[in-house]
Amino acid sequence: MDFLFNFIPNLPWTNLEIVMNIVAILGVILHIYGVFLEKEKRRDLVFVIGGLCLFTYALWIGNKIFTLAMGGFILASFVEFIEILTGYHKHSEKNVEEYKNPK
């Protein structure tokens, strides 16, 4: 049990701290899961939700760089999702061929 208290020395946590850490863990899991998704639309939605979780956590801990990075990531994923919905996001035949048959 000493290992746990050395690993997480601030136990016991308040309810807000527990919730915020769960939100952060959820964001990390969603980002990892999003990397393995094939459909771009679904991947972008998972990235937006995971980014929102991590953005909330970054605001809570007060880290300006992490907040800015997550805000940029959310914006980029959301823009790509909108491009897919509107039909603006397309892949050329050359890109698809290179993806299917790498050299």
C-alpha atoms as a PDB file:
ATOM      1  CA  MET A   1       0.000   0.000   0.000  1.00  0.00           C
ATOM      2  CA  ASP A   2       2.978   2.296   0.512  1.00  0.00           C
ATOM      3  CA  PHE A   3       3.620   2.146  -3.227  1.00  0.00           C
ATOM      4  CA  LEU A   4       0.187   3.637  -3.891  1.00  0.00           C
ATOM      5  CA  PHE A   5       0.748   6.496  -1.463  1.00  0.00           C
ATOM      6  CA  ASN A   6       4.178   7.182  -2.957  1.00  0.00           C
ATOM      7  CA  PHE A   7       2.789   7.011  -6.497  1.00  0.00           C
ATOM      8  CA  ILE A   8      -0.196   9.236  -5.670  1.00  0.00           C
ATOM      9  CA  PRO A   9       0.958  11.216  -2.616  1.00  0.00           C
ATOM     10  CA  ASN A  10      -2.049  13.544  -2.421  1.00  0.00           C
ATOM     11  CA  LEU A  11      -4.628  10.959  -1.356  1.00  0.00           C
ATOM     12  CA  PRO A  12      -7.403  11.436  -0.290  1.00  0.00           C
ATOM     13  CA  TRP A  13      -8.737  13.467  -3.191  1.00  0.00           C
ATOM     14  CA  THR A  14     -11.805  15.663  -3.204  1.00  0.00           C
ATOM     15  CA  ASN A  15     -14.746  14.719  -5.420  1.00  0.00           C
ATOM     16  CA  LEU A  16     -13.810  17.454  -7.934  1.00  0.00           C
ATOM     17  CA  GLU A  17     -10.266  16.136  -8.209  1.00  0.00           C
ATOM     18  CA  ILE A  18     -11.542  12.615  -8.802  1.00  0.00           C
ATOM     19  CA  VAL A  19     -13.959  13.810 -11.511  1.00  0.00           C
ATOM     20  CA  MET A  20     -11.318  15.924 -13.254  1.00  0.00           C
ATOM     21  CA  ASN A  21      -8.836  13.045 -13.269  1.00  0.00           C
ATOM     22  CA  ILE A  22     -11.493  10.735 -14.720  1.00  0.00           C
ATOM     23  CA  VAL A  23     -12.212  13.357 -17.412  1.00  0.00           C
ATOM     24  CA  ALA A  24      -8.490  13.553 -18.230  1.00  0.00           C
ATOM     25  CA  ILE A  25      -8.160   9.760 -18.393  1.00  0.00           C
ATOM     26  CA  LEU A  26     -11.232   9.572 -20.641  1.00  0.00           C
ATOM     27  CA  GLY A  27      -9.662  12.180 -22.954  1.00  0.00           C
ATOM     28  CA  VAL A  28      -6.428  10.202 -23.191  1.00  0.00           C
ATOM     29  CA  ILE A  29      -8.287   6.948 -23.880  1.00  0.00           C
ATOM     30  CA  LEU A  30     -10.376   8.619 -26.599  1.00  0.00           C
ATOM     31  CA  HIS A  31      -7.273  10.053 -28.279  1.00  0.00           C
ATOM     32  CA  ILE A  32      -5.599   6.655 -28.282  1.00  0.00           C
ATOM     33  CA  TYR A  33      -8.771   4.985 -29.578  1.00  0.00           C
ATOM     34  CA  GLY A  34      -9.151   7.632 -32.299  1.00  0.00           C
ATOM     35  CA  VAL A  35      -5.778   6.786 -33.761  1.00  0.00           C
ATOM     36  CA  PHE A  36      -7.000   3.271 -34.578  1.00  0.00           C
ATOM     37  CA  LEU A  37     -10.295   4.287 -36.209  1.00  0.00           C
ATOM     38  CA  GLU A  38     -10.490   3.916 -39.982  1.00  0.00           C
ATOM     39  CA  LYS A  39     -13.448   6.179 -40.754  1.00  0.00           C
ATOM     40  CA  GLU A  40     -12.284   9.774 -40.753  1.00  0.00           C
ATOM     41  CA  LYS A  41     -15.628  11.208 -39.684  1.00  0.00           C
ATOM     42  CA  ARG A  42     -15.789   8.997 -36.618  1.00  0.00           C
ATOM     43  CA  ARG A  43     -12.103   9.621 -35.858  1.00  0.00           C
ATOM     44  CA  ASP A  44     -12.579  13.375 -35.927  1.00  0.00           C
ATOM     45  CA  LEU A  45     -15.578  13.178 -33.586  1.00  0.00           C
ATOM     46  CA  VAL A  46     -13.629  11.022 -31.135  1.00  0.00           C
ATOM     47  CA  PHE A  47     -10.728  13.490 -31.328  1.00  0.00           C
ATOM     48  CA  VAL A  48     -13.055  16.439 -30.667  1.00  0.00           C
ATOM     49  CA  ILE A  49     -14.633  14.764 -27.630  1.00  0.00           C
ATOM     50  CA  GLY A  50     -11.266  13.604 -26.292  1.00  0.00           C
ATOM     51  CA  GLY A  51      -9.831  17.052 -26.931  1.00  0.00           C
ATOM     52  CA  LEU A  52     -12.690  18.673 -25.027  1.00  0.00           C
ATOM     53  CA  CYS A  53     -11.989  16.388 -22.068  1.00  0.00           C
ATOM     54  CA  LEU A  54      -8.299  17.257 -22.093  1.00  0.00           C
ATOM     55  CA  PHE A  55      -9.050  20.960 -22.705  1.00  0.00           C
ATOM     56  CA  THR A  56     -11.248  20.949 -19.592  1.00  0.00           C
ATOM     57  CA  TYR A  57      -8.483  19.290 -17.610  1.00  0.00           C
ATOM     58  CA  ALA A  58      -5.890  21.732 -18.917  1.00  0.00           C
ATOM     59  CA  LEU A  59      -8.046  24.666 -17.835  1.00  0.00           C
ATOM     60  CA  TRP A  60      -8.506  23.095 -14.429  1.00  0.00           C
ATOM     61  CA  ILE A  61      -4.768  22.615 -13.819  1.00  0.00           C
ATOM     62  CA  GLY A  62      -4.047  26.073 -15.251  1.00  0.00           C
ATOM     63  CA  ASN A  63      -1.511  25.029 -17.893  1.00  0.00           C
ATOM     64  CA  LYS A  64      -1.653  27.632 -20.674  1.00  0.00           C
ATOM     65  CA  ILE A  65       0.453  25.710 -23.209  1.00  0.00           C
ATOM     66  CA  PHE A  66      -1.584  22.506 -22.790  1.00  0.00           C
ATOM     67  CA  THR A  67      -4.810  24.524 -23.024  1.00  0.00           C
ATOM     68  CA  LEU A  68      -3.651  26.179 -26.242  1.00  0.00           C
ATOM     69  CA  ALA A  69      -2.519  22.853 -27.730  1.00  0.00           C
ATOM     70  CA  MET A  70      -5.832  21.151 -26.969  1.00  0.00           C
ATOM     71  CA  GLY A  71      -7.780  24.145 -28.290  1.00  0.00           C
ATOM     72  CA  GLY A  72      -5.854  23.957 -31.568  1.00  0.00           C
ATOM     73  CA  PHE A  73      -6.358  20.206 -31.769  1.00  0.00           C
ATOM     74  CA  ILE A  74     -10.110  20.550 -31.176  1.00  0.00           C
ATOM     75  CA  LEU A  75     -10.373  23.281 -33.805  1.00  0.00           C
ATOM     76  CA  ALA A  76      -8.421  21.278 -36.401  1.00  0.00           C
ATOM     77  CA  SER A  77     -10.453  18.102 -35.812  1.00  0.00           C
ATOM     78  CA  PHE A  78     -13.738  20.005 -35.885  1.00  0.00           C
ATOM     79  CA  VAL A  79     -12.822  21.804 -39.128  1.00  0.00           C
ATOM     80  CA  GLU A  80     -11.912  18.502 -40.795  1.00  0.00           C
ATOM     81  CA  PHE A  81     -15.191  16.972 -39.567  1.00  0.00           C
ATOM     82  CA  ILE A  82     -17.156  19.883 -41.087  1.00  0.00           C
ATOM     83  CA  GLU A  83     -15.195  19.528 -44.343  1.00  0.00           C
ATOM     84  CA  ILE A  84     -16.143  15.848 -44.494  1.00  0.00           C
ATOM     85  CA  LEU A  85     -19.818  16.621 -43.842  1.00  0.00           C
ATOM     86  CA  THR A  86     -19.938  19.329 -46.514  1.00  0.00           C
ATOM     87  CA  GLY A  87     -18.046  17.236 -49.091  1.00  0.00           C
ATOM     88  CA  TYR A  88     -15.086  19.623 -49.255  1.00  0.00           C
ATOM     89  CA  HIS A  89     -12.629  17.072 -47.842  1.00  0.00           C
ATOM     90  CA  LYS A  90     -11.627  14.711 -50.644  1.00  0.00           C
ATOM     91  CA  HIS A  91      -8.743  12.446 -51.445  1.00  0.00           C
ATOM     92  CA  SER A  92      -7.246  12.344 -54.915  1.00  0.00           C
ATOM     93  CA  GLU A  93      -6.986   9.054 -56.771  1.00  0.00           C
ATOM     94  CA  LYS A  94      -3.206   9.288 -56.494  1.00  0.00           C
ATOM     95  CA  ASN A  95      -3.378   9.569 -52.675  1.00  0.00           C
ATOM     96  CA  VAL A  96      -5.759   6.627 -52.446  1.00  0.00           C
ATOM     97  CA  GLU A  97      -3.551   4.513 -54.714  1.00  0.00           C
ATOM     98  CA  GLU A  98      -0.432   5.348 -52.682  1.00  0.00           C
ATOM     99  CA  TYR A  99      -2.280   4.439 -49.481  1.00  0.00           C
ATOM    100  CA  LYS A 100      -3.544   1.123 -50.826  1.00  0.00           C
ATOM    101  CA  ASN A 101      -0.271   0.146 -52.547  1.00  0.00           C
ATOM    102  CA  PRO A 102       2.706   1.676 -50.751  1.00  0.00           C
ATOM    103  CA  LYS A 103       6.064   1.479 -52.484  1.00  0.00           C
END
